[in-house]
PDB file of all heavy atoms in Angstrom:
ATOM      1  N   LEU A   1     187.457 168.298  19.190  1.00  0.00           N
ATOM      2  CA  LEU A   1     187.857 166.862  19.474  1.00  0.00           C
ATOM      3  C   LEU A   1     188.248 166.089  18.238  1.00  0.00           C
ATOM      4  O   LEU A   1     189.091 165.097  18.402  1.00  0.00           O
ATOM      5  CB  LEU A   1     186.710 166.214  20.195  1.00  0.00           C
ATOM      6  CG  LEU A   1     186.232 166.849  21.540  1.00  0.00           C
ATOM      7  CD1 LEU A   1     185.020 166.169  22.042  1.00  0.00           C
ATOM      8  CD2 LEU A   1     187.404 166.800  22.490  1.00  0.00           C
ATOM      9  N   ALA A   2     187.873 166.444  17.105  1.00  0.00           N
ATOM     10  CA  ALA A   2     188.137 165.675  15.869  1.00  0.00           C
ATOM     11  C   ALA A   2     189.641 165.586  15.600  1.00  0.00           C
ATOM     12  O   ALA A   2     190.142 164.667  14.995  1.00  0.00           O
ATOM     13  CB  ALA A   2     187.331 166.269  14.690  1.00  0.00           C
ATOM     14  N   LYS A   3     190.398 166.584  16.055  1.00  0.00           N
ATOM     15  CA  LYS A   3     191.791 166.593  15.914  1.00  0.00           C
ATOM     16  C   LYS A   3     192.484 165.474  16.666  1.00  0.00           C
ATOM     17  O   LYS A   3     193.675 165.189  16.414  1.00  0.00           O
ATOM     18  CB  LYS A   3     192.396 167.931  16.424  1.00  0.00           C
ATOM     19  CG  LYS A   3     191.834 169.144  15.696  1.00  0.00           C
ATOM     20  CD  LYS A   3     192.335 170.390  16.402  1.00  0.00           C
ATOM     21  CE  LYS A   3     191.386 171.528  16.270  1.00  0.00           C
ATOM     22  NZ  LYS A   3     191.664 172.724  17.177  1.00  0.00           N
ATOM     23  N   HIS A   4     191.761 164.832  17.614  1.00  0.00           N
ATOM     24  CA  HIS A   4     192.429 163.958  18.462  1.00  0.00           C
ATOM     25  C   HIS A   4     191.958 162.449  18.175  1.00  0.00           C
ATOM     26  O   HIS A   4     192.254 161.512  19.003  1.00  0.00           O
ATOM     27  CB  HIS A   4     192.037 164.230  19.915  1.00  0.00           C
ATOM     28  CG  HIS A   4     192.485 165.567  20.245  1.00  0.00           C
ATOM     29  ND1 HIS A   4     193.785 165.818  20.754  1.00  0.00           N
ATOM     30  CD2 HIS A   4     191.863 166.757  20.298  1.00  0.00           C
ATOM     31  CE1 HIS A   4     193.992 167.004  21.042  1.00  0.00           C
ATOM     32  NE2 HIS A   4     192.871 167.654  20.854  1.00  0.00           N
ATOM     33  N   ILE A   5     191.309 162.273  17.042  1.00  0.00           N
ATOM     34  CA  ILE A   5     190.769 160.877  16.666  1.00  0.00           C
ATOM     35  C   ILE A   5     191.305 160.643  15.218  1.00  0.00           C
ATOM     36  O   ILE A   5     191.660 161.513  14.506  1.00  0.00           O
ATOM     37  CB  ILE A   5     189.233 160.753  16.753  1.00  0.00           C
ATOM     38  CG1 ILE A   5     188.565 161.700  15.826  1.00  0.00           C
ATOM     39  CG2 ILE A   5     188.828 160.965  18.218  1.00  0.00           C
ATOM     40  CD1 ILE A   5     187.061 161.459  15.755  1.00  0.00           C
ATOM     41  N   ASP A   6     191.261 159.369  14.835  1.00  0.00           N
ATOM     42  CA  ASP A   6     191.608 158.903  13.588  1.00  0.00           C
ATOM     43  C   ASP A   6     190.394 158.918  12.577  1.00  0.00           C
ATOM     44  O   ASP A   6     189.179 158.976  13.087  1.00  0.00           O
ATOM     45  CB  ASP A   6     192.170 157.507  13.538  1.00  0.00           C
ATOM     46  CG  ASP A   6     193.480 157.483  14.334  1.00  0.00           C
ATOM     47  OD1 ASP A   6     194.221 158.495  14.333  1.00  0.00           O
ATOM     48  OD2 ASP A   6     193.763 156.398  14.946  1.00  0.00           O
ATOM     49  N   GLY A   7     190.584 158.784  11.286  1.00  0.00           N
ATOM     50  CA  GLY A   7     189.592 158.829  10.301  1.00  0.00           C
ATOM     51  C   GLY A   7     188.546 157.727  10.427  1.00  0.00           C
ATOM     52  O   GLY A   7     187.402 157.728   9.961  1.00  0.00           O
ATOM     53  N   ASN A   8     188.895 156.589  11.056  1.00  0.00           N
ATOM     54  CA  ASN A   8     187.989 155.379  11.163  1.00  0.00           C
ATOM     55  C   ASN A   8     187.327 155.388  12.562  1.00  0.00           C
ATOM     56  O   ASN A   8     186.585 154.557  12.872  1.00  0.00           O
ATOM     57  CB  ASN A   8     188.812 154.122  10.983  1.00  0.00           C
ATOM     58  CG  ASN A   8     189.831 153.823  12.001  1.00  0.00           C
ATOM     59  OD1 ASN A   8     190.334 154.718  12.671  1.00  0.00           O
ATOM     60  ND2 ASN A   8     190.068 152.616  12.188  1.00  0.00           N
ATOM     61  N   ASP A   9     187.565 156.454  13.397  1.00  0.00           N
ATOM     62  CA  ASP A   9     186.899 156.525  14.733  1.00  0.00           C
ATOM     63  C   ASP A   9     185.479 157.118  14.587  1.00  0.00           C
ATOM     64  O   ASP A   9     185.237 157.930  13.567  1.00  0.00           O
ATOM     65  CB  ASP A   9     187.746 157.290  15.624  1.00  0.00           C
ATOM     66  CG  ASP A   9     189.085 156.590  15.922  1.00  0.00           C
ATOM     67  OD1 ASP A   9     189.127 155.458  15.893  1.00  0.00           O
ATOM     68  OD2 ASP A   9     190.052 157.425  16.168  1.00  0.00           O
ATOM     69  N   GLU A  10     184.675 156.958  15.579  1.00  0.00           N
ATOM     70  CA  GLU A  10     183.320 157.602  15.633  1.00  0.00           C
ATOM     71  C   GLU A  10     183.322 158.586  16.783  1.00  0.00           C
ATOM     72  O   GLU A  10     183.833 158.229  17.879  1.00  0.00           O
ATOM     73  CB  GLU A  10     182.201 156.629  15.796  1.00  0.00           C
ATOM     74  CG  GLU A  10     181.967 155.775  14.571  1.00  0.00           C
ATOM     75  CD  GLU A  10     182.700 154.409  14.700  1.00  0.00           C
ATOM     76  OE1 GLU A  10     183.086 153.999  15.825  1.00  0.00           O
ATOM     77  OE2 GLU A  10     182.919 153.823  13.653  1.00  0.00           O
ATOM     78  N   LEU A  11     182.648 159.675  16.584  1.00  0.00           N
ATOM     79  CA  LEU A  11     182.498 160.643  17.646  1.00  0.00           C
ATOM     80  C   LEU A  11     181.086 161.332  17.540  1.00  0.00           C
ATOM     81  O   LEU A  11     180.630 161.671  16.440  1.00  0.00           O
ATOM     82  CB  LEU A  11     183.500 161.841  17.387  1.00  0.00           C
ATOM     83  CG  LEU A  11     183.523 163.098  18.358  1.00  0.00           C
ATOM     84  CD1 LEU A  11     183.833 162.704  19.809  1.00  0.00           C
ATOM     85  CD2 LEU A  11     184.390 164.166  17.853  1.00  0.00           C
ATOM     86  N   LEU A  12     180.319 161.387  18.674  1.00  0.00           N
ATOM     87  CA  LEU A  12     179.036 161.873  18.724  1.00  0.00           C
ATOM     88  C   LEU A  12     179.035 163.005  19.829  1.00  0.00           C
ATOM     89  O   LEU A  12     179.436 162.769  20.982  1.00  0.00           O
ATOM     90  CB  LEU A  12     178.003 160.811  19.114  1.00  0.00           C
ATOM     91  CG  LEU A  12     176.590 161.254  19.426  1.00  0.00           C
ATOM     92  CD1 LEU A  12     175.936 161.706  18.113  1.00  0.00           C
ATOM     93  CD2 LEU A  12     175.843 160.064  20.042  1.00  0.00           C
ATOM     94  N   VAL A  13     178.517 164.185  19.508  1.00  0.00           N
ATOM     95  CA  VAL A  13     178.373 165.344  20.427  1.00  0.00           C
ATOM     96  C   VAL A  13     176.970 165.753  20.281  1.00  0.00           C
ATOM     97  O   VAL A  13     176.453 166.176  19.342  1.00  0.00           O
ATOM     98  CB  VAL A  13     179.322 166.468  20.081  1.00  0.00           C
ATOM     99  CG1 VAL A  13     179.193 167.604  21.051  1.00  0.00           C
ATOM    100  CG2 VAL A  13     180.784 166.032  20.088  1.00  0.00           C
ATOM    101  N   VAL A  14     176.237 165.774  21.425  1.00  0.00           N
ATOM    102  CA  VAL A  14     174.801 166.083  21.534  1.00  0.00           C
ATOM    103  C   VAL A  14     174.457 167.152  22.609  1.00  0.00           C
ATOM    104  O   VAL A  14     174.984 166.866  23.809  1.00  0.00           O
ATOM    105  CB  VAL A  14     173.922 164.789  21.757  1.00  0.00           C
ATOM    106  CG1 VAL A  14     172.487 165.161  21.812  1.00  0.00           C
ATOM    107  CG2 VAL A  14     174.283 163.785  20.660  1.00  0.00           C
ATOM    108  N   ASP A  15     173.781 168.181  22.383  1.00  0.00           N
ATOM    109  CA  ASP A  15     173.360 169.131  23.410  1.00  0.00           C
ATOM    110  C   ASP A  15     172.157 168.515  24.136  1.00  0.00           C
ATOM    111  O   ASP A  15     171.133 168.175  23.569  1.00  0.00           O
ATOM    112  CB  ASP A  15     172.908 170.382  22.691  1.00  0.00           C
ATOM    113  CG  ASP A  15     172.567 171.547  23.655  1.00  0.00           C
ATOM    114  OD1 ASP A  15     172.239 171.209  24.901  1.00  0.00           O
ATOM    115  OD2 ASP A  15     172.615 172.672  23.312  1.00  0.00           O
ATOM    116  N   ILE A  16     172.395 168.328  25.383  1.00  0.00           N
ATOM    117  CA  ILE A  16     171.355 167.667  26.290  1.00  0.00           C
ATOM    118  C   ILE A  16     170.827 168.647  27.242  1.00  0.00           C
ATOM    119  O   ILE A  16     170.221 168.234  28.300  1.00  0.00           O
ATOM    120  CB  ILE A  16     171.826 166.284  26.921  1.00  0.00           C
ATOM    121  CG1 ILE A  16     173.043 166.662  27.778  1.00  0.00           C
ATOM    122  CG2 ILE A  16     172.174 165.352  25.870  1.00  0.00           C
ATOM    123  CD1 ILE A  16     173.472 165.375  28.721  1.00  0.00           C
ATOM    124  N   THR A  17     171.081 169.949  27.170  1.00  0.00           N
ATOM    125  CA  THR A  17     170.733 170.864  28.055  1.00  0.00           C
ATOM    126  C   THR A  17     169.223 170.867  28.403  1.00  0.00           C
ATOM    127  O   THR A  17     168.859 170.877  29.610  1.00  0.00           O
ATOM    128  CB  THR A  17     171.149 172.309  27.648  1.00  0.00           C
ATOM    129  OG1 THR A  17     172.525 172.268  27.372  1.00  0.00           O
ATOM    130  CG2 THR A  17     170.803 173.343  28.772  1.00  0.00           C
ATOM    131  N   ALA A  18     168.393 170.852  27.479  1.00  0.00           N
ATOM    132  CA  ALA A  18     166.976 170.925  27.642  1.00  0.00           C
ATOM    133  C   ALA A  18     166.184 169.626  27.754  1.00  0.00           C
ATOM    134  O   ALA A  18     165.023 169.520  27.822  1.00  0.00           O
ATOM    135  CB  ALA A  18     166.347 171.844  26.514  1.00  0.00           C
ATOM    136  N   GLY A  19     167.009 168.582  27.703  1.00  0.00           N
ATOM    137  CA  GLY A  19     166.381 167.257  27.811  1.00  0.00           C
ATOM    138  C   GLY A  19     166.049 166.680  29.186  1.00  0.00           C
ATOM    139  O   GLY A  19     166.259 167.332  30.170  1.00  0.00           O
ATOM    140  N   SER A  20     165.465 165.647  29.199  1.00  0.00           N
ATOM    141  CA  SER A  20     165.248 164.940  30.507  1.00  0.00           C
ATOM    142  C   SER A  20     166.113 163.685  30.527  1.00  0.00           C
ATOM    143  O   SER A  20     166.574 163.162  29.533  1.00  0.00           O
ATOM    144  CB  SER A  20     163.765 164.563  30.677  1.00  0.00           C
ATOM    145  OG  SER A  20     163.374 163.564  29.689  1.00  0.00           O
ATOM    146  N   ALA A  21     166.231 163.071  31.720  1.00  0.00           N
ATOM    147  CA  ALA A  21     167.281 161.986  31.888  1.00  0.00           C
ATOM    148  C   ALA A  21     166.716 161.003  32.858  1.00  0.00           C
ATOM    149  O   ALA A  21     165.957 161.390  33.821  1.00  0.00           O
ATOM    150  CB  ALA A  21     168.584 162.477  32.313  1.00  0.00           C
ATOM    151  N   ALA A  22     167.037 159.832  32.694  1.00  0.00           N
ATOM    152  CA  ALA A  22     166.721 158.699  33.659  1.00  0.00           C
ATOM    153  C   ALA A  22     167.913 157.751  33.682  1.00  0.00           C
ATOM    154  O   ALA A  22     168.573 157.560  32.582  1.00  0.00           O
ATOM    155  CB  ALA A  22     165.480 157.951  33.285  1.00  0.00           C
ATOM    156  N   TRP A  23     168.257 157.184  34.827  1.00  0.00           N
ATOM    157  CA  TRP A  23     169.406 156.273  34.801  1.00  0.00           C
ATOM    158  C   TRP A  23     169.211 155.307  35.963  1.00  0.00           C
ATOM    159  O   TRP A  23     168.346 155.415  36.939  1.00  0.00           O
ATOM    160  CB  TRP A  23     170.676 157.078  34.995  1.00  0.00           C
ATOM    161  CG  TRP A  23     170.714 157.911  36.217  1.00  0.00           C
ATOM    162  CD1 TRP A  23     171.179 157.595  37.499  1.00  0.00           C
ATOM    163  CD2 TRP A  23     170.293 159.250  36.341  1.00  0.00           C
ATOM    164  NE1 TRP A  23     171.048 158.655  38.404  1.00  0.00           N
ATOM    165  CE2 TRP A  23     170.460 159.716  37.634  1.00  0.00           C
ATOM    166  CE3 TRP A  23     169.713 160.199  35.429  1.00  0.00           C
ATOM    167  CZ2 TRP A  23     170.148 160.955  38.173  1.00  0.00           C
ATOM    168  CZ3 TRP A  23     169.460 161.489  35.847  1.00  0.00           C
ATOM    169  CH2 TRP A  23     169.546 161.793  37.178  1.00  0.00           C
ATOM    170  N   THR A  24     170.099 154.237  35.935  1.00  0.00           N
ATOM    171  CA  THR A  24     170.097 153.342  37.040  1.00  0.00           C
ATOM    172  C   THR A  24     171.505 152.675  37.106  1.00  0.00           C
ATOM    173  O   THR A  24     172.259 152.693  36.186  1.00  0.00           O
ATOM    174  CB  THR A  24     169.101 152.253  36.882  1.00  0.00           C
ATOM    175  OG1 THR A  24     169.047 151.388  38.081  1.00  0.00           O
ATOM    176  CG2 THR A  24     169.367 151.279  35.656  1.00  0.00           C
ATOM    177  N   GLY A  25     171.895 152.231  38.253  1.00  0.00           N
ATOM    178  CA  GLY A  25     173.181 151.483  38.407  1.00  0.00           C
ATOM    179  C   GLY A  25     174.436 152.221  38.756  1.00  0.00           C
ATOM    180  O   GLY A  25     175.464 151.681  38.971  1.00  0.00           O
ATOM    181  N   PHE A  26     174.293 153.580  38.857  1.00  0.00           N
ATOM    182  CA  PHE A  26     175.479 154.377  39.094  1.00  0.00           C
ATOM    183  C   PHE A  26     175.632 154.534  40.627  1.00  0.00           C
ATOM    184  O   PHE A  26     174.692 154.562  41.323  1.00  0.00           O
ATOM    185  CB  PHE A  26     175.331 155.851  38.508  1.00  0.00           C
ATOM    186  CG  PHE A  26     175.373 155.696  37.013  1.00  0.00           C
ATOM    187  CD1 PHE A  26     174.287 156.079  36.234  1.00  0.00           C
ATOM    188  CD2 PHE A  26     176.524 155.311  36.338  1.00  0.00           C
ATOM    189  CE1 PHE A  26     174.303 156.032  34.823  1.00  0.00           C
ATOM    190  CE2 PHE A  26     176.670 155.316  34.937  1.00  0.00           C
ATOM    191  CZ  PHE A  26     175.542 155.618  34.186  1.00  0.00           C
ATOM    192  N   ASP A  27     176.897 154.749  41.115  1.00  0.00           N
ATOM    193  CA  ASP A  27     177.194 155.035  42.487  1.00  0.00           C
ATOM    194  C   ASP A  27     176.557 156.369  42.867  1.00  0.00           C
ATOM    195  O   ASP A  27     176.160 157.116  41.956  1.00  0.00           O
ATOM    196  CB  ASP A  27     178.636 154.793  42.822  1.00  0.00           C
ATOM    197  CG  ASP A  27     179.568 155.904  42.102  1.00  0.00           C
ATOM    198  OD1 ASP A  27     179.130 156.946  41.834  1.00  0.00           O
ATOM    199  OD2 ASP A  27     180.755 155.430  41.984  1.00  0.00           O
ATOM    200  N   SER A  28     176.658 156.659  44.052  1.00  0.00           N
ATOM    201  CA  SER A  28     176.107 157.958  44.604  1.00  0.00           C
ATOM    202  C   SER A  28     176.700 159.194  44.000  1.00  0.00           C
ATOM    203  O   SER A  28     176.055 160.166  43.777  1.00  0.00           O
ATOM    204  CB  SER A  28     176.072 157.994  46.124  1.00  0.00           C
ATOM    205  OG  SER A  28     177.357 157.944  46.631  1.00  0.00           O
ATOM    206  N   ASP A  29     178.028 159.156  43.781  1.00  0.00           N
ATOM    207  CA  ASP A  29     178.811 160.347  43.255  1.00  0.00           C
ATOM    208  C   ASP A  29     178.288 160.486  41.799  1.00  0.00           C
ATOM    209  O   ASP A  29     177.985 161.721  41.390  1.00  0.00           O
ATOM    210  CB  ASP A  29     180.235 160.134  43.295  1.00  0.00           C
ATOM    211  CG  ASP A  29     180.814 160.247  44.656  1.00  0.00           C
ATOM    212  OD1 ASP A  29     180.226 160.849  45.506  1.00  0.00           O
ATOM    213  OD2 ASP A  29     181.917 159.696  44.773  1.00  0.00           O
ATOM    214  N   CYS A  30     178.152 159.385  40.965  1.00  0.00           N
ATOM    215  CA  CYS A  30     177.706 159.665  39.613  1.00  0.00           C
ATOM    216  C   CYS A  30     176.226 160.159  39.632  1.00  0.00           C
ATOM    217  O   CYS A  30     175.934 161.041  38.780  1.00  0.00           O
ATOM    218  CB  CYS A  30     177.923 158.371  38.949  1.00  0.00           C
ATOM    219  SG  CYS A  30     179.634 157.929  38.622  1.00  0.00           S
ATOM    220  N   SER A  31     175.374 159.540  40.373  1.00  0.00           N
ATOM    221  CA  SER A  31     174.025 159.893  40.438  1.00  0.00           C
ATOM    222  C   SER A  31     173.827 161.374  40.832  1.00  0.00           C
ATOM    223  O   SER A  31     173.024 162.068  40.371  1.00  0.00           O
ATOM    224  CB  SER A  31     173.246 158.924  41.267  1.00  0.00           C
ATOM    225  OG  SER A  31     173.103 157.711  40.679  1.00  0.00           O
ATOM    226  N   SER A  32     174.499 161.752  41.920  1.00  0.00           N
ATOM    227  CA  SER A  32     174.466 163.104  42.466  1.00  0.00           C
ATOM    228  C   SER A  32     174.834 164.126  41.345  1.00  0.00           C
ATOM    229  O   SER A  32     174.171 165.196  41.224  1.00  0.00           O
ATOM    230  CB  SER A  32     175.336 163.231  43.662  1.00  0.00           C
ATOM    231  OG  SER A  32     174.834 162.533  44.724  1.00  0.00           O
ATOM    232  N   TRP A  33     175.947 163.830  40.677  1.00  0.00           N
ATOM    233  CA  TRP A  33     176.280 164.809  39.591  1.00  0.00           C
ATOM    234  C   TRP A  33     175.132 165.003  38.587  1.00  0.00           C
ATOM    235  O   TRP A  33     174.815 166.119  38.234  1.00  0.00           O
ATOM    236  CB  TRP A  33     177.569 164.351  38.969  1.00  0.00           C
ATOM    237  CG  TRP A  33     178.144 165.487  38.032  1.00  0.00           C
ATOM    238  CD1 TRP A  33     179.192 166.267  38.453  1.00  0.00           C
ATOM    239  CD2 TRP A  33     177.813 165.917  36.789  1.00  0.00           C
ATOM    240  NE1 TRP A  33     179.517 167.221  37.465  1.00  0.00           N
ATOM    241  CE2 TRP A  33     178.708 167.052  36.370  1.00  0.00           C
ATOM    242  CE3 TRP A  33     176.918 165.495  35.818  1.00  0.00           C
ATOM    243  CZ2 TRP A  33     178.544 167.569  35.183  1.00  0.00           C
ATOM    244  CZ3 TRP A  33     176.741 166.080  34.561  1.00  0.00           C
ATOM    245  CH2 TRP A  33     177.623 167.155  34.254  1.00  0.00           C
ATOM    246  N   LEU A  34     174.616 163.888  38.099  1.00  0.00           N
ATOM    247  CA  LEU A  34     173.513 163.897  37.196  1.00  0.00           C
ATOM    248  C   LEU A  34     172.323 164.742  37.728  1.00  0.00           C
ATOM    249  O   LEU A  34     171.741 165.586  37.124  1.00  0.00           O
ATOM    250  CB  LEU A  34     173.058 162.500  36.822  1.00  0.00           C
ATOM    251  CG  LEU A  34     174.095 161.755  35.935  1.00  0.00           C
ATOM    252  CD1 LEU A  34     173.696 160.291  35.835  1.00  0.00           C
ATOM    253  CD2 LEU A  34     174.327 162.416  34.592  1.00  0.00           C
ATOM    254  N   LYS A  35     171.961 164.409  38.942  1.00  0.00           N
ATOM    255  CA  LYS A  35     170.717 165.127  39.605  1.00  0.00           C
ATOM    256  C   LYS A  35     171.037 166.632  39.707  1.00  0.00           C
ATOM    257  O   LYS A  35     170.064 167.389  39.511  1.00  0.00           O
ATOM    258  CB  LYS A  35     170.477 164.497  41.007  1.00  0.00           C
ATOM    259  CG  LYS A  35     169.927 163.189  41.040  1.00  0.00           C
ATOM    260  CD  LYS A  35     169.734 162.706  42.472  1.00  0.00           C
ATOM    261  CE  LYS A  35     169.350 161.285  42.497  1.00  0.00           C
ATOM    262  NZ  LYS A  35     169.301 160.758  43.909  1.00  0.00           N
ATOM    263  N   ASN A  36     172.343 166.997  40.028  1.00  0.00           N
ATOM    264  CA  ASN A  36     172.496 168.377  40.267  1.00  0.00           C
ATOM    265  C   ASN A  36     172.812 169.194  38.974  1.00  0.00           C
ATOM    266  O   ASN A  36     172.827 170.444  38.974  1.00  0.00           O
ATOM    267  CB  ASN A  36     173.763 168.599  41.160  1.00  0.00           C
ATOM    268  CG  ASN A  36     173.540 168.065  42.593  1.00  0.00           C
ATOM    269  OD1 ASN A  36     172.340 168.127  43.065  1.00  0.00           O
ATOM    270  ND2 ASN A  36     174.538 167.536  43.246  1.00  0.00           N
ATOM    271  N   ASN A  37     173.126 168.560  37.820  1.00  0.00           N
ATOM    272  CA  ASN A  37     173.509 169.186  36.675  1.00  0.00           C
ATOM    273  C   ASN A  37     172.600 168.974  35.460  1.00  0.00           C
ATOM    274  O   ASN A  37     172.786 169.785  34.513  1.00  0.00           O
ATOM    275  CB  ASN A  37     174.988 168.818  36.300  1.00  0.00           C
ATOM    276  CG  ASN A  37     175.874 169.382  37.279  1.00  0.00           C
ATOM    277  OD1 ASN A  37     176.321 170.547  37.300  1.00  0.00           O
ATOM    278  ND2 ASN A  37     176.329 168.467  38.213  1.00  0.00           N
ATOM    279  N   LEU A  38     171.761 168.044  35.509  1.00  0.00           N
ATOM    280  CA  LEU A  38     170.840 167.881  34.351  1.00  0.00           C
ATOM    281  C   LEU A  38     169.465 168.361  34.637  1.00  0.00           C
ATOM    282  O   LEU A  38     168.988 168.519  35.789  1.00  0.00           O
ATOM    283  CB  LEU A  38     170.722 166.322  34.031  1.00  0.00           C
ATOM    284  CG  LEU A  38     172.078 165.742  33.501  1.00  0.00           C
ATOM    285  CD1 LEU A  38     171.818 164.261  33.079  1.00  0.00           C
ATOM    286  CD2 LEU A  38     172.638 166.430  32.292  1.00  0.00           C
TER     287      LEU A  38
END
């Protein structure tokens, strides 16, 4: 991805495979994806 940003941009990439998650405010499609994939 770094090839697609400028030198003054910020980019964060984090492995969240083994983590837990909590959220609020998303529509049903967004929430369903998170429930099914995290």
